[in-house]
Structure formats: structure tokens, C-alpha cells
Protein backbone atom coordinates (compact mmCIF):
# COMPACT_ATOMS: atom_id res chain seq x y z
CA MET A 1 -0.10 -0.02 0.02
CA VAL A 2 1.09 3.43 -0.60
CA LYS A 3 1.70 5.82 2.19
CA GLU A 4 3.34 9.53 2.11
CA LEU A 5 5.88 9.80 4.40
CA LYS A 6 6.21 12.80 6.53
CA SER A 7 9.62 14.24 7.45
CA HIS A 8 10.31 12.05 10.90
CA GLU A 9 10.08 8.95 9.05
CA VAL A 10 12.14 9.74 5.83
CA THR A 11 16.06 8.03 7.40
CA GLU A 12 14.39 4.66 8.92
CA ARG A 13 11.69 4.16 6.04
CA ILE A 14 14.34 4.47 2.96
CA SER A 15 17.21 4.05 4.41
CA PRO A 16 17.69 0.47 3.22
CA ILE A 17 16.25 1.19 -0.34
CA PHE A 18 18.91 3.86 -0.63
CA GLU A 19 21.84 1.63 0.54
CA HIS A 20 20.68 -1.23 -2.21
CA ILE A 21 20.41 1.03 -5.14
CA SER A 22 23.87 3.15 -4.14
CA GLN A 23 25.84 -0.07 -4.47
CA GLU A 24 23.19 -1.29 -7.45
CA ALA A 25 24.17 1.73 -9.25
CA GLY A 26 27.63 2.08 -8.20
CA VAL A 27 27.02 5.59 -6.99
CA PRO A 28 28.09 6.36 -3.65
CA PHE A 29 24.96 8.00 -1.14
CA ALA A 30 25.72 10.44 1.61
CA SER A 31 23.12 9.39 3.87
CA ALA A 32 24.33 12.29 6.75
CA HIS A 33 23.69 14.93 3.94
CA PHE A 34 21.18 13.65 2.00
CA PHE A 35 18.20 12.56 4.75
CA PRO A 36 18.72 16.28 6.66
CA HIS A 37 18.36 18.44 3.58
CA TRP A 38 15.77 16.44 2.26
CA ARG A 39 13.93 16.33 5.84
CA ARG A 40 13.92 20.38 5.42
CA MET A 41 12.34 20.32 1.93
CA MET A 42 9.91 18.77 3.20
CA ASP A 43 9.35 20.56 6.40
CA ILE A 44 8.77 23.66 4.24
CA GLY A 45 6.82 22.34 1.58
CA VAL A 46 9.33 21.71 -1.51
CA ALA A 47 9.70 18.21 -1.53
CA ARG A 48 7.50 15.27 -0.69
CA ILE A 49 8.28 11.10 -0.80
CA TRP A 50 5.68 7.93 -1.17
CA GLU A 51 6.67 4.33 -0.30
CA ASN A 52 5.43 1.05 -1.04
CA ASP A 53 7.08 -2.08 0.30
CA GLY A 54 10.37 -1.88 -1.11
CA CYS A 55 9.75 1.30 -3.51
CA VAL A 56 10.57 4.96 -2.73
CA LEU A 57 9.38 7.93 -4.89
CA GLY A 58 10.94 11.46 -4.14
CA ALA A 59 9.53 14.71 -5.57
CA ILE A 60 10.22 18.33 -5.79
CA PHE A 61 7.46 20.92 -6.56
CA SER A 62 8.94 23.98 -8.01
CA PRO A 63 7.75 26.75 -10.65
CA ASP A 64 9.20 26.26 -14.02
CA VAL A 65 11.39 29.16 -14.45
CA PHE A 66 10.28 29.44 -17.95
CA ASN A 67 6.78 29.83 -17.78
CA GLY A 68 5.86 30.17 -13.99
CA ASN A 69 3.64 26.78 -14.20
CA LEU A 70 4.09 24.58 -11.09
CA ARG A 71 6.17 21.82 -12.27
CA GLY A 72 6.84 18.30 -10.34
CA LEU A 73 10.17 17.05 -10.68
CA VAL A 74 10.61 12.97 -9.79
CA TYR A 75 14.26 13.16 -8.63
CA PHE A 76 14.39 9.74 -7.09
CA TRP A 77 12.31 6.67 -7.88
CA PHE A 78 13.74 3.67 -6.90
CA ALA A 79 12.75 -0.14 -6.42
CA LEU A 80 14.11 -3.16 -4.53
CA PRO A 81 14.98 -6.12 -7.15
CA GLU A 82 12.34 -7.62 -5.70
CA ALA A 83 9.52 -5.26 -6.02
CA ARG A 84 10.39 -4.72 -9.59
CA GLY A 85 7.87 -6.18 -11.91
CA THR A 86 4.92 -6.24 -9.33
CA GLY A 87 3.37 -2.90 -9.87
CA ARG A 88 4.11 -1.36 -6.91
CA PRO A 89 6.25 1.32 -8.33
CA SER A 90 3.84 1.99 -11.05
CA ALA A 91 0.98 2.23 -8.06
CA LEU A 92 4.07 5.19 -6.75
CA LEU A 93 4.20 6.98 -9.75
CA SER A 94 0.38 7.18 -10.06
CA GLU A 95 0.06 8.34 -6.80
CA PHE A 96 2.46 11.15 -7.35
CA GLU A 97 0.63 11.89 -10.24
CA LYS A 98 -2.71 12.56 -8.11
CA ALA A 99 -0.91 14.35 -6.38
CA ALA A 100 1.11 16.87 -8.37
CA ALA A 101 -2.16 17.54 -10.34
CA ALA A 102 -4.25 18.20 -6.68
CA CYS A 103 -1.41 20.87 -6.72
CA GLY A 104 -1.92 22.10 -9.72
CA CYS A 105 1.42 20.97 -11.35
CA ARG A 106 0.92 21.28 -15.37
CA ASN A 107 3.87 19.30 -15.96
CA ILE A 108 5.88 16.18 -14.44
CA SER A 109 9.48 15.61 -15.15
CA ILE A 110 11.56 12.03 -14.28
CA SER A 111 14.85 11.18 -14.73
CA SER A 112 16.09 8.23 -14.10
CA HIS A 113 20.16 6.95 -13.59
CA VAL A 114 21.13 5.22 -16.51
CA ALA A 115 22.90 2.36 -14.27
CA VAL A 116 19.54 1.58 -12.47
CA SER A 117 17.22 -0.71 -15.04
CA PRO A 118 16.89 2.28 -17.79
CA GLU A 119 14.96 -0.58 -19.89
CA TYR A 120 12.35 -1.30 -17.42
CA MET A 121 12.08 2.63 -16.70
CA GLU A 122 11.71 3.34 -20.39
CA ARG A 123 9.04 0.68 -21.19
CA MET A 124 6.96 1.72 -17.85
CA LEU A 125 6.89 5.50 -18.57
CA ASP A 126 6.37 5.08 -22.19
CA GLN A 127 2.92 2.33 -21.08
CA LYS A 128 2.19 5.49 -18.53
CA GLY A 129 2.36 8.46 -21.79
CA TYR A 130 5.19 9.78 -21.13
CA GLU A 131 7.88 11.02 -23.86
CA ALA A 132 11.31 11.88 -23.46
CA SER A 133 11.94 15.45 -23.43
CA GLU A 134 15.13 16.07 -22.21
CA LEU A 135 18.70 14.94 -22.37
CA VAL A 136 20.75 14.84 -19.73
CA PHE A 137 24.81 14.98 -19.63
CA SER A 138 26.88 14.86 -16.49
CA LYS A 139 30.66 15.01 -16.18
CA SER A 140 32.06 14.33 -12.77
CA LEU A 141 34.80 16.97 -11.48
């Protein structure tokens, strides 16, 4: 069952998922940095998190700088391997879409780390009516 987390629940509920995904993707995760900042964003109403038995989705809500419309940005959306293909990740996305619409968002953006199931993500998002709209490149310094 999908549950929207309160800021005080975040560390305990999603830390195990983040640790696994960090190992799977080969990307370091600094929990001592991440959790206090994300909780603060939740407390001021900019960020929200939903959790569903091995899956987590975190989003930031902000005005689009180009047109001023409210935009929902999925900042992270992770599922443990045993949760993939169960419908739980999709249920999180559906709950986020409802919340974004209720907040007045006119656009939703989702990005995905290429090391974590990009084919699965692409198929799911395509089935839900999403289309590629941006291309992001990264460089470590």
C-alpha cells in the first residue's frame, strides 16, 4: 500500500532502499548529507516522498522558470529488485501524479540513473504516456 511519508519517518523507512540502490548503481550515497536536507525541504513544503514496500519515490515541486507553471520533478524513484515487476513502482507513480495534479502541476518530469534498470523505466513510462523531452549529460569533477 502506498504511503506518503512524514519528514520524521524518512530515514528509517527509505535508508535500506537507498543503500541497496547505491550499491547496485555503483554511486556513493551520503546519507548524513541527504536525509537532513531532504527532511528540511519536506518541512517547508517543497519536497514529498511516497513509499510502497520496497519502492520509494521522492519529488520536488517548484515553478518552471520558463513559464511560471508549477512543475513536479521526480528526483528519485527506486525499487528493490524483488519489487520490480510487481506493480508497486507503478502505484507510486500513480499516487505522485494524483498529488501533482492536486497541487496544480501542469507538467511532470522524471529522470533515471542509467545504471539502474533503464529499459524497465523506459517501458513503464512509455506505457503511462510519458515521452522523452530532455537529454541530460553529467561529468564528474
